[in-house]
PDB file of N, CA and C in Angstrom:
ATOM      1  N   MET A   1     -17.322 -64.016  43.466  1.00  0.00           N
ATOM      2  CA  MET A   1     -16.264 -63.434  42.725  1.00  0.00           C
ATOM      3  C   MET A   1     -15.751 -64.566  41.960  1.00  0.00           C
ATOM      4  N   GLU A   2     -15.458 -64.267  40.591  1.00  0.00           N
ATOM      5  CA  GLU A   2     -14.949 -65.172  39.700  1.00  0.00           C
ATOM      6  C   GLU A   2     -13.471 -65.334  39.662  1.00  0.00           C
ATOM      7  N   VAL A   3     -12.921 -66.487  39.659  1.00  0.00           N
ATOM      8  CA  VAL A   3     -11.423 -66.753  39.731  1.00  0.00           C
ATOM      9  C   VAL A   3     -10.945 -66.620  38.240  1.00  0.00           C
ATOM     10  N   PRO A   4      -9.937 -65.822  38.103  1.00  0.00           N
ATOM     11  CA  PRO A   4      -9.498 -65.698  36.673  1.00  0.00           C
ATOM     12  C   PRO A   4      -8.777 -66.965  36.276  1.00  0.00           C
ATOM     13  N   ASN A   5      -9.009 -67.242  34.945  1.00  0.00           N
ATOM     14  CA  ASN A   5      -8.437 -68.461  34.442  1.00  0.00           C
ATOM     15  C   ASN A   5      -7.060 -68.115  33.936  1.00  0.00           C
ATOM     16  N   VAL A   6      -5.983 -68.540  34.611  1.00  0.00           N
ATOM     17  CA  VAL A   6      -4.571 -68.096  34.313  1.00  0.00           C
ATOM     18  C   VAL A   6      -4.162 -68.773  32.953  1.00  0.00           C
ATOM     19  N   TYR A   7      -4.664 -69.909  32.767  1.00  0.00           N
ATOM     20  CA  TYR A   7      -4.254 -70.624  31.551  1.00  0.00           C
ATOM     21  C   TYR A   7      -4.802 -69.876  30.279  1.00  0.00           C
ATOM     22  N   GLU A   8      -6.037 -69.401  30.354  1.00  0.00           N
ATOM     23  CA  GLU A   8      -6.582 -68.554  29.141  1.00  0.00           C
ATOM     24  C   GLU A   8      -5.861 -67.292  29.057  1.00  0.00           C
ATOM     25  N   ALA A   9      -5.480 -66.542  30.206  1.00  0.00           N
ATOM     26  CA  ALA A   9      -4.693 -65.272  30.152  1.00  0.00           C
ATOM     27  C   ALA A   9      -3.446 -65.636  29.589  1.00  0.00           C
ATOM     28  N   ASN A  10      -2.732 -66.607  29.935  1.00  0.00           N
ATOM     29  CA  ASN A  10      -1.526 -66.932  29.374  1.00  0.00           C
ATOM     30  C   ASN A  10      -1.558 -67.266  27.870  1.00  0.00           C
ATOM     31  N   LYS A  11      -2.558 -67.957  27.547  1.00  0.00           N
ATOM     32  CA  LYS A  11      -2.907 -68.328  26.072  1.00  0.00           C
ATOM     33  C   LYS A  11      -3.050 -67.078  25.285  1.00  0.00           C
ATOM     34  N   ASP A  12      -3.891 -66.040  25.714  1.00  0.00           N
ATOM     35  CA  ASP A  12      -4.064 -64.833  25.118  1.00  0.00           C
ATOM     36  C   ASP A  12      -2.730 -64.056  24.841  1.00  0.00           C
ATOM     37  N   GLU A  13      -1.963 -64.024  25.911  1.00  0.00           N
ATOM     38  CA  GLU A  13      -0.729 -63.352  25.887  1.00  0.00           C
ATOM     39  C   GLU A  13       0.273 -64.015  24.898  1.00  0.00           C
ATOM     40  N   ARG A  14       0.286 -65.418  24.858  1.00  0.00           N
ATOM     41  CA  ARG A  14       1.062 -66.049  23.864  1.00  0.00           C
ATOM     42  C   ARG A  14       0.757 -65.735  22.485  1.00  0.00           C
ATOM     43  N   ILE A  15      -0.694 -65.607  22.230  1.00  0.00           N
ATOM     44  CA  ILE A  15      -1.090 -65.293  20.886  1.00  0.00           C
ATOM     45  C   ILE A  15      -0.690 -63.903  20.496  1.00  0.00           C
ATOM     46  N   ILE A  16      -0.871 -63.049  21.376  1.00  0.00           N
ATOM     47  CA  ILE A  16      -0.539 -61.531  21.077  1.00  0.00           C
ATOM     48  C   ILE A  16       1.040 -61.427  20.702  1.00  0.00           C
ATOM     49  N   MET A  17       1.814 -62.155  21.649  1.00  0.00           N
ATOM     50  CA  MET A  17       3.223 -62.204  21.568  1.00  0.00           C
ATOM     51  C   MET A  17       3.610 -62.811  20.042  1.00  0.00           C
ATOM     52  N   SER A  18       3.037 -63.832  19.658  1.00  0.00           N
ATOM     53  CA  SER A  18       3.171 -64.536  18.510  1.00  0.00           C
ATOM     54  C   SER A  18       2.983 -63.629  17.364  1.00  0.00           C
ATOM     55  N   LEU A  19       1.801 -62.903  17.481  1.00  0.00           N
ATOM     56  CA  LEU A  19       1.370 -61.956  16.370  1.00  0.00           C
ATOM     57  C   LEU A  19       2.354 -60.786  16.249  1.00  0.00           C
ATOM     58  N   PHE A  20       2.877 -60.260  17.366  1.00  0.00           N
ATOM     59  CA  PHE A  20       3.875 -59.237  17.489  1.00  0.00           C
ATOM     60  C   PHE A  20       5.164 -59.516  16.785  1.00  0.00           C
ATOM     61  N   LEU A  21       5.652 -60.899  17.181  1.00  0.00           N
ATOM     62  CA  LEU A  21       6.874 -61.380  16.571  1.00  0.00           C
ATOM     63  C   LEU A  21       6.848 -61.602  15.140  1.00  0.00           C
ATOM     64  N   ASP A  22       5.677 -62.114  14.602  1.00  0.00           N
ATOM     65  CA  ASP A  22       5.477 -62.306  13.275  1.00  0.00           C
ATOM     66  C   ASP A  22       5.548 -60.887  12.560  1.00  0.00           C
ATOM     67  N   LEU A  23       4.946 -59.983  13.094  1.00  0.00           N
ATOM     68  CA  LEU A  23       5.078 -58.559  12.554  1.00  0.00           C
ATOM     69  C   LEU A  23       6.483 -58.117  12.356  1.00  0.00           C
ATOM     70  N   LEU A  24       7.248 -58.259  13.468  1.00  0.00           N
ATOM     71  CA  LEU A  24       8.617 -57.904  13.393  1.00  0.00           C
ATOM     72  C   LEU A  24       9.442 -58.674  12.347  1.00  0.00           C
ATOM     73  N   ILE A  25       9.273 -60.030  12.264  1.00  0.00           N
ATOM     74  CA  ILE A  25       9.955 -60.805  11.255  1.00  0.00           C
ATOM     75  C   ILE A  25       9.678 -60.366   9.840  1.00  0.00           C
ATOM     76  N   LYS A  26       8.351 -60.071   9.621  1.00  0.00           N
ATOM     77  CA  LYS A  26       7.965 -59.621   8.323  1.00  0.00           C
ATOM     78  C   LYS A  26       8.602 -58.306   7.955  1.00  0.00           C
ATOM     79  N   ASP A  27       8.594 -57.435   9.000  1.00  0.00           N
ATOM     80  CA  ASP A  27       9.202 -56.118   8.615  1.00  0.00           C
ATOM     81  C   ASP A  27      10.752 -56.332   8.384  1.00  0.00           C
ATOM     82  N   ALA A  28      11.411 -57.159   9.191  1.00  0.00           N
ATOM     83  CA  ALA A  28      12.796 -57.350   9.030  1.00  0.00           C
ATOM     84  C   ALA A  28      13.058 -57.948   7.562  1.00  0.00           C
ATOM     85  N   MET A  29      12.197 -58.828   7.144  1.00  0.00           N
ATOM     86  CA  MET A  29      12.486 -59.496   5.846  1.00  0.00           C
ATOM     87  C   MET A  29      12.265 -58.478   4.754  1.00  0.00           C
ATOM     88  N   GLN A  30      11.292 -57.647   4.933  1.00  0.00           N
ATOM     89  CA  GLN A  30      10.953 -56.564   3.877  1.00  0.00           C
ATOM     90  C   GLN A  30      11.825 -55.442   3.993  1.00  0.00           C
ATOM     91  N   ASN A  31      12.511 -55.114   5.067  1.00  0.00           N
ATOM     92  CA  ASN A  31      13.297 -54.032   5.121  1.00  0.00           C
ATOM     93  C   ASN A  31      14.634 -54.400   5.998  1.00  0.00           C
ATOM     94  N   PRO A  32      15.452 -55.205   5.417  1.00  0.00           N
ATOM     95  CA  PRO A  32      16.650 -55.561   6.114  1.00  0.00           C
ATOM     96  C   PRO A  32      17.649 -54.422   6.269  1.00  0.00           C
ATOM     97  N   SER A  33      17.533 -53.392   5.510  1.00  0.00           N
ATOM     98  CA  SER A  33      18.482 -52.274   5.753  1.00  0.00           C
ATOM     99  C   SER A  33      18.172 -51.523   7.055  1.00  0.00           C
ATOM    100  N   LYS A  34      17.009 -51.799   7.739  1.00  0.00           N
ATOM    101  CA  LYS A  34      16.766 -51.167   8.954  1.00  0.00           C
ATOM    102  C   LYS A  34      17.436 -51.887  10.135  1.00  0.00           C
ATOM    103  N   LEU A  35      17.834 -53.061   9.885  1.00  0.00           N
ATOM    104  CA  LEU A  35      18.305 -54.016  10.962  1.00  0.00           C
ATOM    105  C   LEU A  35      19.758 -53.383  11.371  1.00  0.00           C
ATOM    106  N   VAL A  36      20.065 -53.381  12.746  1.00  0.00           N
ATOM    107  CA  VAL A  36      21.344 -53.133  13.130  1.00  0.00           C
ATOM    108  C   VAL A  36      21.876 -54.124  14.161  1.00  0.00           C
ATOM    109  N   PRO A  37      23.062 -54.313  14.137  1.00  0.00           N
ATOM    110  CA  PRO A  37      23.542 -55.332  15.093  1.00  0.00           C
ATOM    111  C   PRO A  37      23.480 -54.904  16.561  1.00  0.00           C
ATOM    112  N   TYR A  38      23.259 -55.895  17.388  1.00  0.00           N
ATOM    113  CA  TYR A  38      23.216 -55.555  18.766  1.00  0.00           C
ATOM    114  C   TYR A  38      24.559 -55.527  19.415  1.00  0.00           C
ATOM    115  N   THR A  39      25.001 -54.392  19.840  1.00  0.00           N
ATOM    116  CA  THR A  39      26.304 -54.114  20.281  1.00  0.00           C
ATOM    117  C   THR A  39      26.531 -54.350  21.822  1.00  0.00           C
ATOM    118  N   GLN A  40      27.704 -54.355  22.250  1.00  0.00           N
ATOM    119  CA  GLN A  40      28.073 -54.355  23.650  1.00  0.00           C
ATOM    120  C   GLN A  40      27.604 -53.075  24.337  1.00  0.00           C
ATOM    121  N   GLU A  41      27.677 -52.021  23.645  1.00  0.00           N
ATOM    122  CA  GLU A  41      27.188 -50.679  24.132  1.00  0.00           C
ATOM    123  C   GLU A  41      25.666 -50.833  24.517  1.00  0.00           C
ATOM    124  N   MET A  42      24.965 -51.371  23.605  1.00  0.00           N
ATOM    125  CA  MET A  42      23.429 -51.562  23.739  1.00  0.00           C
ATOM    126  C   MET A  42      23.216 -52.405  24.990  1.00  0.00           C
ATOM    127  N   SER A  43      23.945 -53.406  25.194  1.00  0.00           N
ATOM    128  CA  SER A  43      23.817 -54.288  26.248  1.00  0.00           C
ATOM    129  C   SER A  43      24.145 -53.749  27.576  1.00  0.00           C
ATOM    130  N   ASP A  44      25.285 -52.992  27.629  1.00  0.00           N
ATOM    131  CA  ASP A  44      25.660 -52.196  28.839  1.00  0.00           C
ATOM    132  C   ASP A  44      24.586 -51.185  29.129  1.00  0.00           C
ATOM    133  N   GLU A  45      23.969 -50.585  28.217  1.00  0.00           N
ATOM    134  CA  GLU A  45      22.818 -49.615  28.487  1.00  0.00           C
ATOM    135  C   GLU A  45      21.790 -50.264  29.077  1.00  0.00           C
ATOM    136  N   MET A  46      21.426 -51.432  28.540  1.00  0.00           N
ATOM    137  CA  MET A  46      20.245 -52.223  29.175  1.00  0.00           C
ATOM    138  C   MET A  46      20.575 -52.553  30.629  1.00  0.00           C
ATOM    139  N   ASP A  47      21.767 -53.008  30.878  1.00  0.00           N
ATOM    140  CA  ASP A  47      22.203 -53.393  32.109  1.00  0.00           C
ATOM    141  C   ASP A  47      22.014 -52.281  33.034  1.00  0.00           C
ATOM    142  N   ASP A  48      22.561 -50.942  32.713  1.00  0.00           N
ATOM    143  CA  ASP A  48      22.454 -49.820  33.462  1.00  0.00           C
ATOM    144  C   ASP A  48      20.865 -49.461  33.834  1.00  0.00           C
ATOM    145  N   LEU A  49      20.125 -49.630  32.845  1.00  0.00           N
ATOM    146  CA  LEU A  49      18.653 -49.346  32.984  1.00  0.00           C
ATOM    147  C   LEU A  49      17.913 -50.203  33.952  1.00  0.00           C
ATOM    148  N   LEU A  50      18.452 -51.545  33.969  1.00  0.00           N
ATOM    149  CA  LEU A  50      17.770 -52.512  34.799  1.00  0.00           C
ATOM    150  C   LEU A  50      18.399 -52.860  36.142  1.00  0.00           C
ATOM    151  N   THR A  51      19.455 -52.096  36.504  1.00  0.00           N
ATOM    152  CA  THR A  51      20.269 -52.293  37.715  1.00  0.00           C
ATOM    153  C   THR A  51      19.348 -52.404  38.966  1.00  0.00           C
ATOM    154  N   ASN A  52      18.418 -51.475  39.087  1.00  0.00           N
ATOM    155  CA  ASN A  52      17.626 -51.412  40.366  1.00  0.00           C
ATOM    156  C   ASN A  52      16.300 -52.122  40.267  1.00  0.00           C
ATOM    157  N   VAL A  53      16.024 -52.823  39.099  1.00  0.00           N
ATOM    158  CA  VAL A  53      14.786 -53.380  38.864  1.00  0.00           C
ATOM    159  C   VAL A  53      14.613 -54.638  39.631  1.00  0.00           C
ATOM    160  N   ILE A  54      13.539 -54.806  40.476  1.00  0.00           N
ATOM    161  CA  ILE A  54      13.322 -55.965  41.229  1.00  0.00           C
ATOM    162  C   ILE A  54      12.013 -56.719  40.685  1.00  0.00           C
ATOM    163  N   ILE A  55      12.319 -58.003  40.289  1.00  0.00           N
ATOM    164  CA  ILE A  55      11.156 -58.812  39.809  1.00  0.00           C
ATOM    165  C   ILE A  55      10.704 -59.725  40.921  1.00  0.00           C
ATOM    166  N   ASP A  56       9.401 -59.637  41.196  1.00  0.00           N
ATOM    167  CA  ASP A  56       8.912 -60.410  42.301  1.00  0.00           C
ATOM    168  C   ASP A  56       8.478 -61.787  41.680  1.00  0.00           C
TER     169      ASP A  56
END
């Protein structure tokens, strides 16, 4: 049985996340009118959604 290479998996995830964030930044720069401020209401909604989430 082959042991997964955790470093390589994390490296791949970092690359994918970087590409995704680059795409978001590009879209924000090209379409600034789509941006909305992050409100306390949004934060409260996230808190409610995550209330019973357990991270191991």
